[in-house]
């Protein structure tokens, strides 16, 4: 399954990421690139946070759903695909339609078999499992060893109303893993942190980047700078090899 997070892609690049591009289609397009829909041909594509898709692209997505065809940026050639589409949104799309931010016809084409997940505040029994999962995820990502969550911390997390749902919980746990000392998860400045809607403060982003850079370097040294393969650094870090290489470029990590 091909996954696309519509909030993670810059608005000026989302079209080329989804539908592909030809060399020279725009400044910086120095090579042909297949889009996510081409990569998903014969399978499934998951469009996360579909409500964030720019309005001007929604008609192109509607055409793919209805006719199974599109053109790459910079190309007149029509490409046909057979793709199953799963879409998710943290927004109420009916409200987005009324506000003029989402196409009604696209909504009805996507809303064939809807599954509504109750907000996190209505399923507090899931919070302990989610906390365990996110702690393990960020332990691995930044090389921490948080092993326990106190009853007081878990109780505080379960009593909060989580307007940002699971994504807000994930951001709070990520921040807590970064700032916790020792092996016990500590959610500091509870109300200030939660009112932040899950966004990391600037200094925390820098700390996370420094920790991630150090952790990647340690794992690369441990694997003899082998990136791919069963025992390669990418597997140990839980990343795709291409993602690991991109982060190495981002942090300027090179073998000397």
Foldseek 3Di string as FASTA:
>chain_A
DAEDELVVDDLVCPQCQAAWAAAPLDPPRNHTDHHSQVVQFVHEYEYEAPLNHAAVCLVVVVCCLPPQWDHHRPDPDIDGGDYHYHYYHPDDVVVCVVVVGYDPVSCVSNVPDDDDDDFCLVPLVCLVVLLVVLLVLLCLQLVFAADEEDPVRSVLVNPDRQPVGSLLSSLQSNLQRLPDDDRYGDRPPVVVSSVVSSDDDPVSVVSSLVSNVVSLLVLCVVQVNAQDDPSHSCVSSVHDSVVSVVSCVVVVPDDD
